[in-house]
Amino acid sequence: MYTKLSNFVKQKRKEANLTQEEFADRTGVALTVVRKIEQGKDNLSLAKVNQVLLMFGSKLIPMNTKEVEE
């Protein structure tokens, strides 16, 4: 999963012609968060990942949740 997430974020960031620094500024997260996502690190905060993904109109939900997104 982390590889798909990292590839998705990196591709979308590059399509927007943004550096990692610019992307971090626009999403309101630290540069280290963007780097960890793009490197496929697995110790990420779901809230921070979703903050980044919201820029693309996407988000992740925990698999063990009883809530269903409509």
PDB file of N, CA and C in Angstrom:
ATOM      1  N   MET A   1       0.817  -1.201   0.000  1.00  0.00           N
ATOM      2  CA  MET A   1       0.000   0.000   0.000  1.00  0.00           C
ATOM      3  C   MET A   1       0.857   1.258   0.000  1.00  0.00           C
ATOM      4  N   TYR A   2       1.941   1.243   0.784  1.00  0.00           N
ATOM      5  CA  TYR A   2       2.753   2.444   0.898  1.00  0.00           C
ATOM      6  C   TYR A   2       3.394   2.827  -0.422  1.00  0.00           C
ATOM      7  N   THR A   3       3.747   1.830  -1.230  1.00  0.00           N
ATOM      8  CA  THR A   3       4.340   2.116  -2.536  1.00  0.00           C
ATOM      9  C   THR A   3       3.331   2.807  -3.433  1.00  0.00           C
ATOM     10  N   LYS A   4       2.093   2.337  -3.441  1.00  0.00           N
ATOM     11  CA  LYS A   4       1.062   2.971  -4.260  1.00  0.00           C
ATOM     12  C   LYS A   4       0.802   4.390  -3.795  1.00  0.00           C
ATOM     13  N   LEU A   5       0.743   4.587  -2.482  1.00  0.00           N
ATOM     14  CA  LEU A   5       0.525   5.921  -1.930  1.00  0.00           C
ATOM     15  C   LEU A   5       1.677   6.841  -2.296  1.00  0.00           C
ATOM     16  N   SER A   6       2.895   6.372  -2.122  1.00  0.00           N
ATOM     17  CA  SER A   6       4.049   7.224  -2.418  1.00  0.00           C
ATOM     18  C   SER A   6       4.108   7.582  -3.892  1.00  0.00           C
ATOM     19  N   ASN A   7       3.834   6.613  -4.762  1.00  0.00           N
ATOM     20  CA  ASN A   7       3.839   6.886  -6.201  1.00  0.00           C
ATOM     21  C   ASN A   7       2.728   7.865  -6.582  1.00  0.00           C
ATOM     22  N   PHE A   8       1.544   7.697  -5.991  1.00  0.00           N
ATOM     23  CA  PHE A   8       0.417   8.579  -6.278  1.00  0.00           C
ATOM     24  C   PHE A   8       0.750  10.026  -5.901  1.00  0.00           C
ATOM     25  N   VAL A   9       1.246  10.219  -4.687  1.00  0.00           N
ATOM     26  CA  VAL A   9       1.552  11.577  -4.221  1.00  0.00           C
ATOM     27  C   VAL A   9       2.661  12.195  -5.052  1.00  0.00           C
ATOM     28  N   LYS A  10       3.713  11.450  -5.308  1.00  0.00           N
ATOM     29  CA  LYS A  10       4.839  11.983  -6.093  1.00  0.00           C
ATOM     30  C   LYS A  10       4.383  12.360  -7.501  1.00  0.00           C
ATOM     31  N   GLN A  11       3.605  11.486  -8.136  1.00  0.00           N
ATOM     32  CA  GLN A  11       3.125  11.762  -9.490  1.00  0.00           C
ATOM     33  C   GLN A  11       2.240  13.009  -9.520  1.00  0.00           C
ATOM     34  N   LYS A  12       1.305  13.098  -8.595  1.00  0.00           N
ATOM     35  CA  LYS A  12       0.400  14.248  -8.564  1.00  0.00           C
ATOM     36  C   LYS A  12       1.160  15.542  -8.270  1.00  0.00           C
ATOM     37  N   ARG A  13       2.147  15.476  -7.374  1.00  0.00           N
ATOM     38  CA  ARG A  13       2.945  16.665  -7.057  1.00  0.00           C
ATOM     39  C   ARG A  13       3.709  17.132  -8.285  1.00  0.00           C
ATOM     40  N   LYS A  14       4.287  16.184  -9.010  1.00  0.00           N
ATOM     41  CA  LYS A  14       5.055  16.533 -10.209  1.00  0.00           C
ATOM     42  C   LYS A  14       4.145  17.057 -11.319  1.00  0.00           C
ATOM     43  N   GLU A  15       2.949  16.489 -11.438  1.00  0.00           N
ATOM     44  CA  GLU A  15       1.988  16.990 -12.429  1.00  0.00           C
ATOM     45  C   GLU A  15       1.603  18.437 -12.133  1.00  0.00           C
ATOM     46  N   ALA A  16       1.608  18.797 -10.856  1.00  0.00           N
ATOM     47  CA  ALA A  16       1.296  20.164 -10.450  1.00  0.00           C
ATOM     48  C   ALA A  16       2.523  21.074 -10.529  1.00  0.00           C
ATOM     49  N   ASN A  17       3.649  20.516 -10.979  1.00  0.00           N
ATOM     50  CA  ASN A  17       4.908  21.265 -11.091  1.00  0.00           C
ATOM     51  C   ASN A  17       5.320  21.920  -9.775  1.00  0.00           C
ATOM     52  N   LEU A  18       5.234  21.145  -8.701  1.00  0.00           N
ATOM     53  CA  LEU A  18       5.604  21.653  -7.386  1.00  0.00           C
ATOM     54  C   LEU A  18       6.811  20.898  -6.853  1.00  0.00           C
ATOM     55  N   THR A  19       7.696  21.615  -6.201  1.00  0.00           N
ATOM     56  CA  THR A  19       8.780  20.955  -5.480  1.00  0.00           C
ATOM     57  C   THR A  19       8.186  20.374  -4.203  1.00  0.00           C
ATOM     58  N   GLN A  20       8.954  19.536  -3.529  1.00  0.00           N
ATOM     59  CA  GLN A  20       8.471  18.999  -2.257  1.00  0.00           C
ATOM     60  C   GLN A  20       8.211  20.133  -1.261  1.00  0.00           C
ATOM     61  N   GLU A  21       9.075  21.126  -1.263  1.00  0.00           N
ATOM     62  CA  GLU A  21       8.927  22.255  -0.354  1.00  0.00           C
ATOM     63  C   GLU A  21       7.646  23.040  -0.644  1.00  0.00           C
ATOM     64  N   GLU A  22       7.403  23.332  -1.916  1.00  0.00           N
ATOM     65  CA  GLU A  22       6.191  24.064  -2.305  1.00  0.00           C
ATOM     66  C   GLU A  22       4.937  23.264  -1.961  1.00  0.00           C
ATOM     67  N   PHE A  23       5.012  21.958  -2.214  1.00  0.00           N
ATOM     68  CA  PHE A  23       3.884  21.096  -1.933  1.00  0.00           C
ATOM     69  C   PHE A  23       3.582  21.060  -0.435  1.00  0.00           C
ATOM     70  N   ALA A  24       4.620  20.949   0.371  1.00  0.00           N
ATOM     71  CA  ALA A  24       4.447  20.954   1.824  1.00  0.00           C
ATOM     72  C   ALA A  24       3.793  22.258   2.284  1.00  0.00           C
ATOM     73  N   ASP A  25       4.253  23.376   1.742  1.00  0.00           N
ATOM     74  CA  ASP A  25       3.665  24.676   2.095  1.00  0.00           C
ATOM     75  C   ASP A  25       2.186  24.732   1.734  1.00  0.00           C
ATOM     76  N   ARG A  26       1.842  24.258   0.556  1.00  0.00           N
ATOM     77  CA  ARG A  26       0.443  24.320   0.102  1.00  0.00           C
ATOM     78  C   ARG A  26      -0.479  23.405   0.889  1.00  0.00           C
ATOM     79  N   THR A  27       0.041  22.278   1.327  1.00  0.00           N
ATOM     80  CA  THR A  27      -0.799  21.342   2.069  1.00  0.00           C
ATOM     81  C   THR A  27      -0.785  21.608   3.567  1.00  0.00           C
ATOM     82  N   GLY A  28       0.148  22.426   4.019  1.00  0.00           N
ATOM     83  CA  GLY A  28       0.211  22.777   5.434  1.00  0.00           C
ATOM     84  C   GLY A  28       0.858  21.718   6.310  1.00  0.00           C
ATOM     85  N   VAL A  29       1.693  20.875   5.706  1.00  0.00           N
ATOM     86  CA  VAL A  29       2.421  19.877   6.495  1.00  0.00           C
ATOM     87  C   VAL A  29       3.912  20.175   6.408  1.00  0.00           C
ATOM     88  N   ALA A  30       4.649  19.557   7.298  1.00  0.00           N
ATOM     89  CA  ALA A  30       6.100  19.732   7.290  1.00  0.00           C
ATOM     90  C   ALA A  30       6.706  19.033   6.069  1.00  0.00           C
ATOM     91  N   LEU A  31       7.807  19.553   5.608  1.00  0.00           N
ATOM     92  CA  LEU A  31       8.523  18.961   4.480  1.00  0.00           C
ATOM     93  C   LEU A  31       8.863  17.498   4.769  1.00  0.00           C
ATOM     94  N   THR A  32       9.189  17.188   6.011  1.00  0.00           N
ATOM     95  CA  THR A  32       9.534  15.805   6.362  1.00  0.00           C
ATOM     96  C   THR A  32       8.348  14.856   6.132  1.00  0.00           C
ATOM     97  N   VAL A  33       7.132  15.337   6.301  1.00  0.00           N
ATOM     98  CA  VAL A  33       5.951  14.503   6.059  1.00  0.00           C
ATOM     99  C   VAL A  33       5.858  14.150   4.578  1.00  0.00           C
ATOM    100  N   VAL A  34       6.030  15.136   3.717  1.00  0.00           N
ATOM    101  CA  VAL A  34       5.986  14.893   2.277  1.00  0.00           C
ATOM    102  C   VAL A  34       7.087  13.909   1.888  1.00  0.00           C
ATOM    103  N   ARG A  35       8.266  14.100   2.407  1.00  0.00           N
ATOM    104  CA  ARG A  35       9.386  13.202   2.083  1.00  0.00           C
ATOM    105  C   ARG A  35       9.107  11.782   2.551  1.00  0.00           C
ATOM    106  N   LYS A  36       8.566  11.628   3.764  1.00  0.00           N
ATOM    107  CA  LYS A  36       8.252  10.290   4.277  1.00  0.00           C
ATOM    108  C   LYS A  36       7.198   9.604   3.415  1.00  0.00           C
ATOM    109  N   ILE A  37       6.186  10.352   2.998  1.00  0.00           N
ATOM    110  CA  ILE A  37       5.150   9.773   2.143  1.00  0.00           C
ATOM    111  C   ILE A  37       5.753   9.310   0.827  1.00  0.00           C
ATOM    112  N   GLU A  38       6.525  10.173   0.196  1.00  0.00           N
ATOM    113  CA  GLU A  38       7.103   9.847  -1.107  1.00  0.00           C
ATOM    114  C   GLU A  38       8.155   8.738  -1.026  1.00  0.00           C
ATOM    115  N   GLN A  39       8.743   8.534   0.141  1.00  0.00           N
ATOM    116  CA  GLN A  39       9.718   7.458   0.323  1.00  0.00           C
ATOM    117  C   GLN A  39       9.049   6.152   0.733  1.00  0.00           C
ATOM    118  N   GLY A  40       7.735   6.181   0.948  1.00  0.00           N
ATOM    119  CA  GLY A  40       7.002   4.976   1.309  1.00  0.00           C
ATOM    120  C   GLY A  40       7.185   4.538   2.749  1.00  0.00           C
ATOM    121  N   LYS A  41       7.514   5.473   3.622  1.00  0.00           N
ATOM    122  CA  LYS A  41       7.677   5.139   5.042  1.00  0.00           C
ATOM    123  C   LYS A  41       6.344   4.683   5.613  1.00  0.00           C
ATOM    124  N   ASP A  42       6.404   3.809   6.612  1.00  0.00           N
ATOM    125  CA  ASP A  42       5.164   3.268   7.153  1.00  0.00           C
ATOM    126  C   ASP A  42       4.783   3.822   8.526  1.00  0.00           C
ATOM    127  N   ASN A  43       5.512   4.778   9.030  1.00  0.00           N
ATOM    128  CA  ASN A  43       5.202   5.346  10.335  1.00  0.00           C
ATOM    129  C   ASN A  43       4.613   6.751  10.179  1.00  0.00           C
ATOM    130  N   LEU A  44       3.526   6.824   9.438  1.00  0.00           N
ATOM    131  CA  LEU A  44       2.910   8.110   9.133  1.00  0.00           C
ATOM    132  C   LEU A  44       1.599   8.281   9.888  1.00  0.00           C
ATOM    133  N   SER A  45       1.293   9.498  10.220  1.00  0.00           N
ATOM    134  CA  SER A  45       0.020   9.832  10.832  1.00  0.00           C
ATOM    135  C   SER A  45      -1.062   9.852   9.752  1.00  0.00           C
ATOM    136  N   LEU A  46      -2.158   9.156   9.999  1.00  0.00           N
ATOM    137  CA  LEU A  46      -3.272   9.146   9.047  1.00  0.00           C
ATOM    138  C   LEU A  46      -3.785  10.560   8.808  1.00  0.00           C
ATOM    139  N   ALA A  47      -3.819  11.360   9.851  1.00  0.00           N
ATOM    140  CA  ALA A  47      -4.287  12.741   9.717  1.00  0.00           C
ATOM    141  C   ALA A  47      -3.392  13.537   8.772  1.00  0.00           C
ATOM    142  N   LYS A  48      -2.091  13.362   8.870  1.00  0.00           N
ATOM    143  CA  LYS A  48      -1.158  14.088   7.995  1.00  0.00           C
ATOM    144  C   LYS A  48      -1.253  13.585   6.561  1.00  0.00           C
ATOM    145  N   VAL A  49      -1.378  12.271   6.396  1.00  0.00           N
ATOM    146  CA  VAL A  49      -1.522  11.717   5.047  1.00  0.00           C
ATOM    147  C   VAL A  49      -2.793  12.274   4.410  1.00  0.00           C
ATOM    148  N   ASN A  50      -3.882  12.301   5.165  1.00  0.00           N
ATOM    149  CA  ASN A  50      -5.136  12.828   4.625  1.00  0.00           C
ATOM    150  C   ASN A  50      -5.042  14.318   4.323  1.00  0.00           C
ATOM    151  N   GLN A  51      -4.290  15.047   5.120  1.00  0.00           N
ATOM    152  CA  GLN A  51      -4.096  16.469   4.854  1.00  0.00           C
ATOM    153  C   GLN A  51      -3.432  16.659   3.489  1.00  0.00           C
ATOM    154  N   VAL A  52      -2.482  15.801   3.161  1.00  0.00           N
ATOM    155  CA  VAL A  52      -1.809  15.848   1.862  1.00  0.00           C
ATOM    156  C   VAL A  52      -2.766  15.407   0.756  1.00  0.00           C
ATOM    157  N   LEU A  53      -3.469  14.304   0.970  1.00  0.00           N
ATOM    158  CA  LEU A  53      -4.355  13.754  -0.060  1.00  0.00           C
ATOM    159  C   LEU A  53      -5.539  14.657  -0.378  1.00  0.00           C
ATOM    160  N   LEU A  54      -5.956  15.473   0.577  1.00  0.00           N
ATOM    161  CA  LEU A  54      -7.080  16.373   0.327  1.00  0.00           C
ATOM    162  C   LEU A  54      -6.792  17.346  -0.807  1.00  0.00           C
ATOM    163  N   MET A  55      -5.533  17.628  -1.049  1.00  0.00           N
ATOM    164  CA  MET A  55      -5.175  18.509  -2.157  1.00  0.00           C
ATOM    165  C   MET A  55      -5.602  17.898  -3.492  1.00  0.00           C
ATOM    166  N   PHE A  56      -5.724  16.565  -3.524  1.00  0.00           N
ATOM    167  CA  PHE A  56      -6.124  15.869  -4.744  1.00  0.00           C
ATOM    168  C   PHE A  56      -7.556  15.365  -4.669  1.00  0.00           C
ATOM    169  N   GLY A  57      -8.286  15.795  -3.647  1.00  0.00           N
ATOM    170  CA  GLY A  57      -9.666  15.366  -3.490  1.00  0.00           C
ATOM    171  C   GLY A  57      -9.801  13.927  -3.029  1.00  0.00           C
ATOM    172  N   SER A  58      -8.788  13.408  -2.360  1.00  0.00           N
ATOM    173  CA  SER A  58      -8.792  12.023  -1.886  1.00  0.00           C
ATOM    174  C   SER A  58      -8.531  11.986  -0.393  1.00  0.00           C
ATOM    175  N   LYS A  59      -8.811  10.815   0.226  1.00  0.00           N
ATOM    176  CA  LYS A  59      -8.414  10.587   1.605  1.00  0.00           C
ATOM    177  C   LYS A  59      -8.469   9.102   1.897  1.00  0.00           C
ATOM    178  N   LEU A  60      -7.779   8.709   2.956  1.00  0.00           N
ATOM    179  CA  LEU A  60      -7.766   7.320   3.409  1.00  0.00           C
ATOM    180  C   LEU A  60      -8.649   7.199   4.633  1.00  0.00           C
ATOM    181  N   ILE A  61      -9.279   6.050   4.781  1.00  0.00           N
ATOM    182  CA  ILE A  61     -10.020   5.777   6.009  1.00  0.00           C
ATOM    183  C   ILE A  61      -9.485   4.477   6.591  1.00  0.00           C
ATOM    184  N   PRO A  62      -9.463   4.360   7.912  1.00  0.00           N
ATOM    185  CA  PRO A  62      -8.960   3.128   8.535  1.00  0.00           C
ATOM    186  C   PRO A  62      -9.834   1.938   8.153  1.00  0.00           C
ATOM    187  N   MET A  63      -9.224   0.794   7.942  1.00  0.00           N
ATOM    188  CA  MET A  63      -9.978  -0.389   7.548  1.00  0.00           C
ATOM    189  C   MET A  63     -10.803  -0.964   8.686  1.00  0.00           C
ATOM    190  N   ASN A  64     -10.462  -0.651   9.924  1.00  0.00           N
ATOM    191  CA  ASN A  64     -11.198  -1.214  11.038  1.00  0.00           C
ATOM    192  C   ASN A  64     -12.332  -0.299  11.526  1.00  0.00           C
ATOM    193  N   THR A  65     -12.647   0.714  10.755  1.00  0.00           N
ATOM    194  CA  THR A  65     -13.693   1.640  11.145  1.00  0.00           C
ATOM    195  C   THR A  65     -15.058   1.075  10.803  1.00  0.00           C
ATOM    196  N   LYS A  66     -16.065   1.456  11.563  1.00  0.00           N
ATOM    197  CA  LYS A  66     -17.430   1.026  11.278  1.00  0.00           C
ATOM    198  C   LYS A  66     -18.147   2.054  10.421  1.00  0.00           C
ATOM    199  N   GLU A  67     -17.503   3.190  10.200  1.00  0.00           N
ATOM    200  CA  GLU A  67     -18.101   4.234   9.360  1.00  0.00           C
ATOM    201  C   GLU A  67     -17.920   3.854   7.895  1.00  0.00           C
ATOM    202  N   VAL A  68     -18.895   4.197   7.105  1.00  0.00           N
ATOM    203  CA  VAL A  68     -18.820   3.957   5.671  1.00  0.00           C
ATOM    204  C   VAL A  68     -18.912   5.304   4.969  1.00  0.00           C
ATOM    205  N   GLU A  69     -17.948   5.567   4.092  1.00  0.00           N
ATOM    206  CA  GLU A  69     -17.952   6.806   3.332  1.00  0.00           C
ATOM    207  C   GLU A  69     -19.004   6.718   2.233  1.00  0.00           C
ATOM    208  N   GLU A  70     -19.809   7.733   2.086  1.00  0.00           N
ATOM    209  CA  GLU A  70     -20.817   7.754   1.021  1.00  0.00           C
ATOM    210  C   GLU A  70     -20.453   8.783  -0.022  1.00  0.00           C
TER     211      GLU A  70
END
